[in-house]
Amino acid sequence: MNLRTSSSEVYRPTVSTAKQRGKLFGIGVGPGAPDLLTLRAIEILKSINVVCIPRSKADNDSLALTVAGKYIPATAEIMEVATPMTRDRQVLEAEWRRGAEKIAAKLNEGLNVAFITIGDAMLFSTYTYLLKKVCQLLPDIEVESVPGITSFAAAAAHLNTALAEGNEKLAIIPAVDDPGQLREVLRLFPNAVLMKVAGQYNEIVDVLTDMGLKDSAVYISRLGYPDQFVTDDLDSMRQKKRDYLSLILVKQGGF
């Protein structure tokens, strides 16, 4: 991977030749609102040749494409990469490899490819797995990863509440198989972001209740989308359908 690209460079599309490979961009498109993309992301997307989108199901619209679509030119090719909702490592590795091969083929044609992803490109993103595979296939490829606003940063801003202050510790926890493991984390960290909480929601709320932290937590769903939802009444969500794009912020000092 070519690491010589400076973050201060302004992107300028170049005329590709048969011997010149394209450039790979990983772009975080933020939490859901189109106006929360960075200027850098918009600048790149406006001149990109191929936009690569993750798709977990054939009948699902791409959230990343919905957010960034207004900035993508009609001339850009939209290329899907399968990202099945499974923990089977062999299945995932095979799909990542197929996706990387599709991207590498476009790069070898001299086309610039942007992989877009909700949130930040380098945090819990399929892009990081694909990036490794592409770099295995094309070790000298030029890559630029563009950061995006994370869902929890947007949530804290929406609540006008700091994620952490001074020397406070902050834990960022993805989906957990055993919510009981959160007890030790919450004993060590006064501030926590619990991501992907929909599947184990009731068990997570049980832990927060037992630790006396339920009233120091806020549930946020689909922030930045028209149907965004925020509540500090965690019990009210126990019997309701929770969206995949849901998280809980915990601040033991209160909001």
C-alpha atoms as a PDB file:
ATOM      1  CA  MET A   1       0.000   0.000   0.000  1.00  0.00           C
ATOM      2  CA  ASN A   2       1.306   3.437  -0.937  1.00  0.00           C
ATOM      3  CA  LEU A   3       1.442   5.567   2.233  1.00  0.00           C
ATOM      4  CA  ARG A   4       2.892   8.669   0.656  1.00  0.00           C
ATOM      5  CA  THR A   5      -0.403  10.507   0.240  1.00  0.00           C
ATOM      6  CA  SER A   6      -0.503  13.597   2.427  1.00  0.00           C
ATOM      7  CA  SER A   7      -3.733  14.398   4.253  1.00  0.00           C
ATOM      8  CA  SER A   8      -3.241  18.010   3.198  1.00  0.00           C
ATOM      9  CA  GLU A   9      -3.351  17.205  -0.519  1.00  0.00           C
ATOM     10  CA  VAL A  10      -6.365  18.293  -2.502  1.00  0.00           C
ATOM     11  CA  TYR A  11      -7.795  15.472  -4.565  1.00  0.00           C
ATOM     12  CA  ARG A  12      -7.549  16.010  -8.282  1.00  0.00           C
ATOM     13  CA  PRO A  13      -8.723  13.264 -10.650  1.00  0.00           C
ATOM     14  CA  THR A  14      -6.068  12.244 -13.147  1.00  0.00           C
ATOM     15  CA  VAL A  15      -6.343  10.879 -16.644  1.00  0.00           C
ATOM     16  CA  SER A  16      -5.595   7.173 -16.339  1.00  0.00           C
ATOM     17  CA  THR A  17      -3.519   5.231 -18.802  1.00  0.00           C
ATOM     18  CA  ALA A  18      -3.412   1.499 -19.431  1.00  0.00           C
ATOM     19  CA  LYS A  19      -0.339   1.231 -17.186  1.00  0.00           C
ATOM     20  CA  GLN A  20      -1.673   3.405 -14.387  1.00  0.00           C
ATOM     21  CA  ARG A  21      -3.771   1.913 -11.620  1.00  0.00           C
ATOM     22  CA  GLY A  22      -6.596   3.785 -10.019  1.00  0.00           C
ATOM     23  CA  LYS A  23      -6.646   4.885  -6.397  1.00  0.00           C
ATOM     24  CA  LEU A  24      -8.698   3.315  -3.626  1.00  0.00           C
ATOM     25  CA  PHE A  25     -10.616   5.539  -1.230  1.00  0.00           C
ATOM     26  CA  GLY A  26     -12.355   4.405   1.942  1.00  0.00           C
ATOM     27  CA  ILE A  27     -14.919   7.024   2.877  1.00  0.00           C
ATOM     28  CA  GLY A  28     -16.870   7.273   6.109  1.00  0.00           C
ATOM     29  CA  VAL A  29     -20.125   9.058   5.252  1.00  0.00           C
ATOM     30  CA  GLY A  30     -21.143   9.826   8.818  1.00  0.00           C
ATOM     31  CA  PRO A  31     -24.112   8.791  10.959  1.00  0.00           C
ATOM     32  CA  GLY A  32     -26.974   9.371   8.540  1.00  0.00           C
ATOM     33  CA  ALA A  33     -27.502  13.023   7.639  1.00  0.00           C
ATOM     34  CA  PRO A  34     -26.159  13.986   4.173  1.00  0.00           C
ATOM     35  CA  ASP A  35     -24.929  17.328   5.506  1.00  0.00           C
ATOM     36  CA  LEU A  36     -22.634  15.595   7.992  1.00  0.00           C
ATOM     37  CA  LEU A  37     -20.267  14.289   5.324  1.00  0.00           C
ATOM     38  CA  THR A  38     -16.883  15.985   5.405  1.00  0.00           C
ATOM     39  CA  LEU A  39     -15.891  18.397   2.666  1.00  0.00           C
ATOM     40  CA  ARG A  40     -13.085  15.986   1.768  1.00  0.00           C
ATOM     41  CA  ALA A  41     -15.533  13.123   1.279  1.00  0.00           C
ATOM     42  CA  ILE A  42     -17.818  15.228  -0.910  1.00  0.00           C
ATOM     43  CA  GLU A  43     -14.918  16.478  -3.022  1.00  0.00           C
ATOM     44  CA  ILE A  44     -13.740  12.940  -3.764  1.00  0.00           C
ATOM     45  CA  LEU A  45     -17.205  11.555  -4.456  1.00  0.00           C
ATOM     46  CA  LYS A  46     -18.004  14.273  -6.984  1.00  0.00           C
ATOM     47  CA  SER A  47     -15.198  13.051  -9.266  1.00  0.00           C
ATOM     48  CA  ILE A  48     -15.091   9.323  -8.535  1.00  0.00           C
ATOM     49  CA  ASN A  49     -15.286   6.615 -11.205  1.00  0.00           C
ATOM     50  CA  VAL A  50     -16.657   3.702  -9.160  1.00  0.00           C
ATOM     51  CA  VAL A  51     -18.559   3.706  -5.856  1.00  0.00           C
ATOM     52  CA  CYS A  52     -18.413   0.444  -3.958  1.00  0.00           C
ATOM     53  CA  ILE A  53     -21.222  -0.163  -1.463  1.00  0.00           C
ATOM     54  CA  PRO A  54     -21.669  -2.871   1.170  1.00  0.00           C
ATOM     55  CA  ARG A  55     -24.905  -4.836   0.967  1.00  0.00           C
ATOM     56  CA  SER A  56     -25.961  -7.354   3.594  1.00  0.00           C
ATOM     57  CA  LYS A  57     -29.147  -8.454   1.799  1.00  0.00           C
ATOM     58  CA  ALA A  58     -30.101  -8.257  -1.860  1.00  0.00           C
ATOM     59  CA  ASP A  59     -33.406  -6.529  -1.070  1.00  0.00           C
ATOM     60  CA  ASN A  60     -31.961  -3.921   1.323  1.00  0.00           C
ATOM     61  CA  ASP A  61     -31.200  -0.396   0.231  1.00  0.00           C
ATOM     62  CA  SER A  62     -27.655   0.718   0.969  1.00  0.00           C
ATOM     63  CA  LEU A  63     -27.717   3.169   3.879  1.00  0.00           C
ATOM     64  CA  ALA A  64     -24.357   4.581   2.864  1.00  0.00           C
ATOM     65  CA  LEU A  65     -25.589   5.188  -0.689  1.00  0.00           C
ATOM     66  CA  THR A  66     -28.772   6.810   0.593  1.00  0.00           C
ATOM     67  CA  VAL A  67     -26.692   9.238   2.653  1.00  0.00           C
ATOM     68  CA  ALA A  68     -24.030  10.022   0.044  1.00  0.00           C
ATOM     69  CA  GLY A  69     -26.050   9.606  -3.144  1.00  0.00           C
ATOM     70  CA  LYS A  70     -26.628  13.315  -3.788  1.00  0.00           C
ATOM     71  CA  TYR A  71     -22.877  13.849  -4.099  1.00  0.00           C
ATOM     72  CA  ILE A  72     -22.185  10.972  -6.510  1.00  0.00           C
ATOM     73  CA  PRO A  73     -22.200  11.825 -10.235  1.00  0.00           C
ATOM     74  CA  ALA A  74     -24.585   9.996 -12.555  1.00  0.00           C
ATOM     75  CA  THR A  75     -21.564   8.780 -14.537  1.00  0.00           C
ATOM     76  CA  ALA A  76     -20.159   6.815 -11.584  1.00  0.00           C
ATOM     77  CA  GLU A  77     -20.567   3.056 -11.595  1.00  0.00           C
ATOM     78  CA  ILE A  78     -22.227   1.627  -8.472  1.00  0.00           C
ATOM     79  CA  MET A  79     -20.682  -1.709  -7.513  1.00  0.00           C
ATOM     80  CA  GLU A  80     -22.062  -3.876  -4.715  1.00  0.00           C
ATOM     81  CA  VAL A  81     -20.001  -6.007  -2.358  1.00  0.00           C
ATOM     82  CA  ALA A  82     -21.802  -8.702  -0.392  1.00  0.00           C
ATOM     83  CA  THR A  83     -21.438  -8.410   3.391  1.00  0.00           C
ATOM     84  CA  PRO A  84     -23.584 -11.234   4.809  1.00  0.00           C
ATOM     85  CA  MET A  85     -24.855 -10.917   8.374  1.00  0.00           C
ATOM     86  CA  THR A  86     -23.023 -13.949   9.707  1.00  0.00           C
ATOM     87  CA  ARG A  87     -20.189 -14.734  12.075  1.00  0.00           C
ATOM     88  CA  ASP A  88     -19.022 -17.684  10.003  1.00  0.00           C
ATOM     89  CA  ARG A  89     -15.436 -16.637   9.347  1.00  0.00           C
ATOM     90  CA  GLN A  90     -15.056 -18.829   6.274  1.00  0.00           C
ATOM     91  CA  VAL A  91     -18.145 -17.311   4.651  1.00  0.00           C
ATOM     92  CA  LEU A  92     -16.971 -13.797   5.469  1.00  0.00           C
ATOM     93  CA  GLU A  93     -13.428 -14.401   4.240  1.00  0.00           C
ATOM     94  CA  ALA A  94     -14.764 -15.742   0.952  1.00  0.00           C
ATOM     95  CA  GLU A  95     -17.029 -12.717   0.437  1.00  0.00           C
ATOM     96  CA  TRP A  96     -14.284 -10.257   1.385  1.00  0.00           C
ATOM     97  CA  ARG A  97     -11.980 -11.953  -1.096  1.00  0.00           C
ATOM     98  CA  ARG A  98     -14.588 -11.766  -3.862  1.00  0.00           C
ATOM     99  CA  GLY A  99     -15.234  -8.128  -3.044  1.00  0.00           C
ATOM    100  CA  ALA A 100     -11.528  -7.330  -3.073  1.00  0.00           C
ATOM    101  CA  GLU A 101     -11.111  -9.032  -6.445  1.00  0.00           C
ATOM    102  CA  LYS A 102     -13.922  -6.910  -7.920  1.00  0.00           C
ATOM    103  CA  ILE A 103     -12.314  -3.748  -6.546  1.00  0.00           C
ATOM    104  CA  ALA A 104      -8.840  -4.770  -7.735  1.00  0.00           C
ATOM    105  CA  ALA A 105     -10.182  -5.375 -11.245  1.00  0.00           C
ATOM    106  CA  LYS A 106     -11.546  -1.824 -11.406  1.00  0.00           C
ATOM    107  CA  LEU A 107      -8.307  -0.380 -10.037  1.00  0.00           C
ATOM    108  CA  ASN A 108      -6.344  -2.300 -12.668  1.00  0.00           C
ATOM    109  CA  GLU A 109      -8.509  -0.627 -15.310  1.00  0.00           C
ATOM    110  CA  GLY A 110      -7.181   2.715 -14.085  1.00  0.00           C
ATOM    111  CA  LEU A 111     -10.428   3.664 -12.336  1.00  0.00           C
ATOM    112  CA  ASN A 112     -10.597   5.369  -8.953  1.00  0.00           C
ATOM    113  CA  VAL A 113     -12.774   3.415  -6.527  1.00  0.00           C
ATOM    114  CA  ALA A 114     -14.459   4.708  -3.371  1.00  0.00           C
ATOM    115  CA  PHE A 115     -15.817   2.289  -0.772  1.00  0.00           C
ATOM    116  CA  ILE A 116     -18.448   4.165   1.245  1.00  0.00           C
ATOM    117  CA  THR A 117     -19.530   3.152   4.718  1.00  0.00           C
ATOM    118  CA  ILE A 118     -21.776   4.543   7.438  1.00  0.00           C
ATOM    119  CA  GLY A 119     -19.927   6.253  10.280  1.00  0.00           C
ATOM    120  CA  ASP A 120     -16.136   6.169  10.197  1.00  0.00           C
ATOM    121  CA  ALA A 121     -14.235   4.059   7.680  1.00  0.00           C
ATOM    122  CA  MET A 122     -11.775   2.729  10.259  1.00  0.00           C
ATOM    123  CA  LEU A 123     -14.121   1.770  13.104  1.00  0.00           C
ATOM    124  CA  PHE A 124     -16.096  -1.504  12.973  1.00  0.00           C
ATOM    125  CA  SER A 125     -16.255  -1.222   9.188  1.00  0.00           C
ATOM    126  CA  THR A 126     -16.238  -3.842   6.442  1.00  0.00           C
ATOM    127  CA  TYR A 127     -13.887  -1.512   4.591  1.00  0.00           C
ATOM    128  CA  THR A 128     -10.957  -2.445   6.829  1.00  0.00           C
ATOM    129  CA  TYR A 129     -11.286  -6.135   5.936  1.00  0.00           C
ATOM    130  CA  LEU A 130     -11.587  -5.386   2.232  1.00  0.00           C
ATOM    131  CA  LEU A 131      -8.624  -3.009   2.413  1.00  0.00           C
ATOM    132  CA  LYS A 132      -6.402  -5.801   3.702  1.00  0.00           C
ATOM    133  CA  LYS A 133      -7.528  -8.118   0.922  1.00  0.00           C
ATOM    134  CA  VAL A 134      -7.057  -5.499  -1.797  1.00  0.00           C
ATOM    135  CA  CYS A 135      -3.554  -4.739  -0.510  1.00  0.00           C
ATOM    136  CA  GLN A 136      -2.716  -8.444  -0.653  1.00  0.00           C
ATOM    137  CA  LEU A 137      -3.769  -8.506  -4.307  1.00  0.00           C
ATOM    138  CA  LEU A 138      -2.184  -5.133  -5.173  1.00  0.00           C
ATOM    139  CA  PRO A 139       0.582  -4.434  -2.633  1.00  0.00           C
ATOM    140  CA  ASP A 140       1.587  -1.100  -4.209  1.00  0.00           C
ATOM    141  CA  ILE A 141      -1.902   0.336  -4.588  1.00  0.00           C
ATOM    142  CA  GLU A 142      -2.411   3.931  -3.511  1.00  0.00           C
ATOM    143  CA  VAL A 143      -4.980   4.225  -0.716  1.00  0.00           C
ATOM    144  CA  GLU A 144      -6.609   7.112   1.091  1.00  0.00           C
ATOM    145  CA  SER A 145      -8.995   6.559   3.991  1.00  0.00           C
ATOM    146  CA  VAL A 146     -11.279   9.481   4.797  1.00  0.00           C
ATOM    147  CA  PRO A 147     -12.631   9.687   8.356  1.00  0.00           C
ATOM    148  CA  GLY A 148     -16.312  10.145   9.041  1.00  0.00           C
ATOM    149  CA  ILE A 149     -18.370  11.331  11.986  1.00  0.00           C
ATOM    150  CA  THR A 150     -19.256   8.370  14.213  1.00  0.00           C
ATOM    151  CA  SER A 151     -22.776   7.677  15.435  1.00  0.00           C
ATOM    152  CA  PHE A 152     -21.766   8.192  19.057  1.00  0.00           C
ATOM    153  CA  ALA A 153     -20.034  11.508  18.342  1.00  0.00           C
ATOM    154  CA  ALA A 154     -23.202  12.672  16.596  1.00  0.00           C
ATOM    155  CA  ALA A 155     -25.309  11.375  19.495  1.00  0.00           C
ATOM    156  CA  ALA A 156     -23.266  13.279  22.077  1.00  0.00           C
ATOM    157  CA  ALA A 157     -23.525  16.435  19.960  1.00  0.00           C
ATOM    158  CA  HIS A 158     -27.291  15.964  19.628  1.00  0.00           C
ATOM    159  CA  LEU A 159     -27.565  15.710  23.421  1.00  0.00           C
ATOM    160  CA  ASN A 160     -25.124  18.606  23.977  1.00  0.00           C
ATOM    161  CA  THR A 161     -23.250  16.284  26.322  1.00  0.00           C
ATOM    162  CA  ALA A 162     -19.531  15.496  26.381  1.00  0.00           C
ATOM    163  CA  LEU A 163     -18.607  11.870  25.826  1.00  0.00           C
ATOM    164  CA  ALA A 164     -15.791  12.380  28.343  1.00  0.00           C
ATOM    165  CA  GLU A 165     -14.068  15.311  30.009  1.00  0.00           C
ATOM    166  CA  GLY A 166     -10.611  15.908  31.448  1.00  0.00           C
ATOM    167  CA  ASN A 167      -9.029  12.615  32.473  1.00  0.00           C
ATOM    168  CA  GLU A 168     -12.253  10.614  32.359  1.00  0.00           C
ATOM    169  CA  LYS A 169     -12.141   7.229  30.671  1.00  0.00           C
ATOM    170  CA  LEU A 170     -14.415   6.259  27.786  1.00  0.00           C
ATOM    171  CA  ALA A 171     -15.208   2.707  26.663  1.00  0.00           C
ATOM    172  CA  ILE A 172     -16.593   1.873  23.210  1.00  0.00           C
ATOM    173  CA  ILE A 173     -18.206  -1.554  23.203  1.00  0.00           C
ATOM    174  CA  PRO A 174     -19.619  -3.307  20.116  1.00  0.00           C
ATOM    175  CA  ALA A 175     -22.338  -5.963  20.254  1.00  0.00           C
ATOM    176  CA  VAL A 176     -21.669  -8.415  23.087  1.00  0.00           C
ATOM    177  CA  ASP A 177     -22.611 -12.089  23.271  1.00  0.00           C
ATOM    178  CA  ASP A 178     -22.754 -11.992  27.063  1.00  0.00           C
ATOM    179  CA  PRO A 179     -24.111  -8.683  28.418  1.00  0.00           C
ATOM    180  CA  GLY A 180     -22.900  -9.760  31.849  1.00  0.00           C
ATOM    181  CA  GLN A 181     -19.386  -8.934  30.648  1.00  0.00           C
ATOM    182  CA  LEU A 182     -20.408  -5.278  30.655  1.00  0.00           C
ATOM    183  CA  ARG A 183     -20.346  -5.234  34.447  1.00  0.00           C
ATOM    184  CA  GLU A 184     -16.566  -5.179  34.657  1.00  0.00           C
ATOM    185  CA  VAL A 185     -16.300  -2.595  31.881  1.00  0.00           C
ATOM    186  CA  LEU A 186     -18.820  -0.304  33.548  1.00  0.00           C
ATOM    187  CA  ARG A 187     -16.982  -0.617  36.867  1.00  0.00           C
ATOM    188  CA  LEU A 188     -13.795   0.640  35.213  1.00  0.00           C
ATOM    189  CA  PHE A 189     -15.200   3.251  32.834  1.00  0.00           C
ATOM    190  CA  PRO A 190     -17.471   6.108  33.966  1.00  0.00           C
ATOM    191  CA  ASN A 191     -18.488   6.773  30.362  1.00  0.00           C
ATOM    192  CA  ALA A 192     -19.439   4.122  27.823  1.00  0.00           C
ATOM    193  CA  VAL A 193     -20.801   3.773  24.320  1.00  0.00           C
ATOM    194  CA  LEU A 194     -22.723   0.527  23.850  1.00  0.00           C
ATOM    195  CA  MET A 195     -23.104  -0.112  20.112  1.00  0.00           C
ATOM    196  CA  LYS A 196     -25.355  -2.555  18.237  1.00  0.00           C
ATOM    197  CA  VAL A 197     -27.567  -3.047  21.283  1.00  0.00           C
ATOM    198  CA  ALA A 198     -30.741  -4.178  19.493  1.00  0.00           C
ATOM    199  CA  GLY A 199     -30.152  -7.927  19.754  1.00  0.00           C
ATOM    200  CA  GLN A 200     -29.369  -8.121  23.483  1.00  0.00           C
ATOM    201  CA  TYR A 201     -31.243  -4.993  24.529  1.00  0.00           C
ATOM    202  CA  ASN A 202     -33.274  -6.370  27.445  1.00  0.00           C
ATOM    203  CA  GLU A 203     -30.261  -8.136  28.931  1.00  0.00           C
ATOM    204  CA  ILE A 204     -28.184  -4.957  28.638  1.00  0.00           C
ATOM    205  CA  VAL A 205     -30.887  -2.919  30.373  1.00  0.00           C
ATOM    206  CA  ASP A 206     -31.026  -5.566  33.113  1.00  0.00           C
ATOM    207  CA  VAL A 207     -27.292  -5.065  33.736  1.00  0.00           C
ATOM    208  CA  LEU A 208     -27.674  -1.283  33.815  1.00  0.00           C
ATOM    209  CA  THR A 209     -30.608  -1.637  36.229  1.00  0.00           C
ATOM    210  CA  ASP A 210     -28.709  -3.967  38.567  1.00  0.00           C
ATOM    211  CA  MET A 211     -25.752  -1.561  38.624  1.00  0.00           C
ATOM    212  CA  GLY A 212     -27.935   1.475  39.269  1.00  0.00           C
ATOM    213  CA  LEU A 213     -27.018   2.994  35.912  1.00  0.00           C
ATOM    214  CA  LYS A 214     -30.312   2.815  34.033  1.00  0.00           C
ATOM    215  CA  ASP A 215     -31.109   6.447  34.865  1.00  0.00           C
ATOM    216  CA  SER A 216     -27.645   7.461  33.650  1.00  0.00           C
ATOM    217  CA  ALA A 217     -28.194   6.104  30.148  1.00  0.00           C
ATOM    218  CA  VAL A 218     -29.825   7.263  26.917  1.00  0.00           C
ATOM    219  CA  TYR A 219     -31.018   5.146  23.978  1.00  0.00           C
ATOM    220  CA  ILE A 220     -30.494   6.587  20.491  1.00  0.00           C
ATOM    221  CA  SER A 221     -31.733   5.044  17.250  1.00  0.00           C
ATOM    222  CA  ARG A 222     -31.163   6.071  13.602  1.00  0.00           C
ATOM    223  CA  LEU A 223     -29.728   9.444  14.510  1.00  0.00           C
ATOM    224  CA  GLY A 224     -29.593  11.705  11.480  1.00  0.00           C
ATOM    225  CA  TYR A 225     -32.370   9.902   9.631  1.00  0.00           C
ATOM    226  CA  PRO A 226     -35.954  11.231   9.356  1.00  0.00           C
ATOM    227  CA  ASP A 227     -37.134   8.605  11.855  1.00  0.00           C
ATOM    228  CA  GLN A 228     -34.455   9.217  14.492  1.00  0.00           C
ATOM    229  CA  PHE A 229     -35.491   8.380  18.055  1.00  0.00           C
ATOM    230  CA  VAL A 230     -34.007   9.321  21.427  1.00  0.00           C
ATOM    231  CA  THR A 231     -35.223   8.372  24.896  1.00  0.00           C
ATOM    232  CA  ASP A 232     -33.946   8.112  28.451  1.00  0.00           C
ATOM    233  CA  ASP A 233     -36.780   5.712  29.337  1.00  0.00           C
ATOM    234  CA  LEU A 234     -34.948   2.506  28.543  1.00  0.00           C
ATOM    235  CA  ASP A 235     -37.718   0.280  29.910  1.00  0.00           C
ATOM    236  CA  SER A 236     -40.150   1.670  27.342  1.00  0.00           C
ATOM    237  CA  MET A 237     -38.120  -0.005  24.587  1.00  0.00           C
ATOM    238  CA  ARG A 238     -38.105  -3.505  26.060  1.00  0.00           C
ATOM    239  CA  GLN A 239     -41.064  -4.810  24.046  1.00  0.00           C
ATOM    240  CA  LYS A 240     -40.553  -2.655  20.942  1.00  0.00           C
ATOM    241  CA  LYS A 241     -38.670  -3.450  17.780  1.00  0.00           C
ATOM    242  CA  ARG A 242     -35.192  -1.929  17.946  1.00  0.00           C
ATOM    243  CA  ASP A 243     -33.349  -0.853  14.835  1.00  0.00           C
ATOM    244  CA  TYR A 244     -29.892  -2.205  14.007  1.00  0.00           C
ATOM    245  CA  LEU A 245     -28.586   1.380  14.069  1.00  0.00           C
ATOM    246  CA  SER A 246     -29.110   1.759  17.805  1.00  0.00           C
ATOM    247  CA  LEU A 247     -26.790   2.551  20.670  1.00  0.00           C
ATOM    248  CA  ILE A 248     -26.837   3.443  24.357  1.00  0.00           C
ATOM    249  CA  LEU A 249     -24.711   6.169  25.921  1.00  0.00           C
ATOM    250  CA  VAL A 250     -23.883   5.692  29.599  1.00  0.00           C
ATOM    251  CA  LYS A 251     -22.603   8.550  31.756  1.00  0.00           C
ATOM    252  CA  GLN A 252     -22.322   7.630  35.400  1.00  0.00           C
ATOM    253  CA  GLY A 253     -22.117  11.318  36.285  1.00  0.00           C
ATOM    254  CA  GLY A 254     -25.475  11.851  34.587  1.00  0.00           C
ATOM    255  CA  PHE A 255     -26.567  13.825  31.550  1.00  0.00           C
END
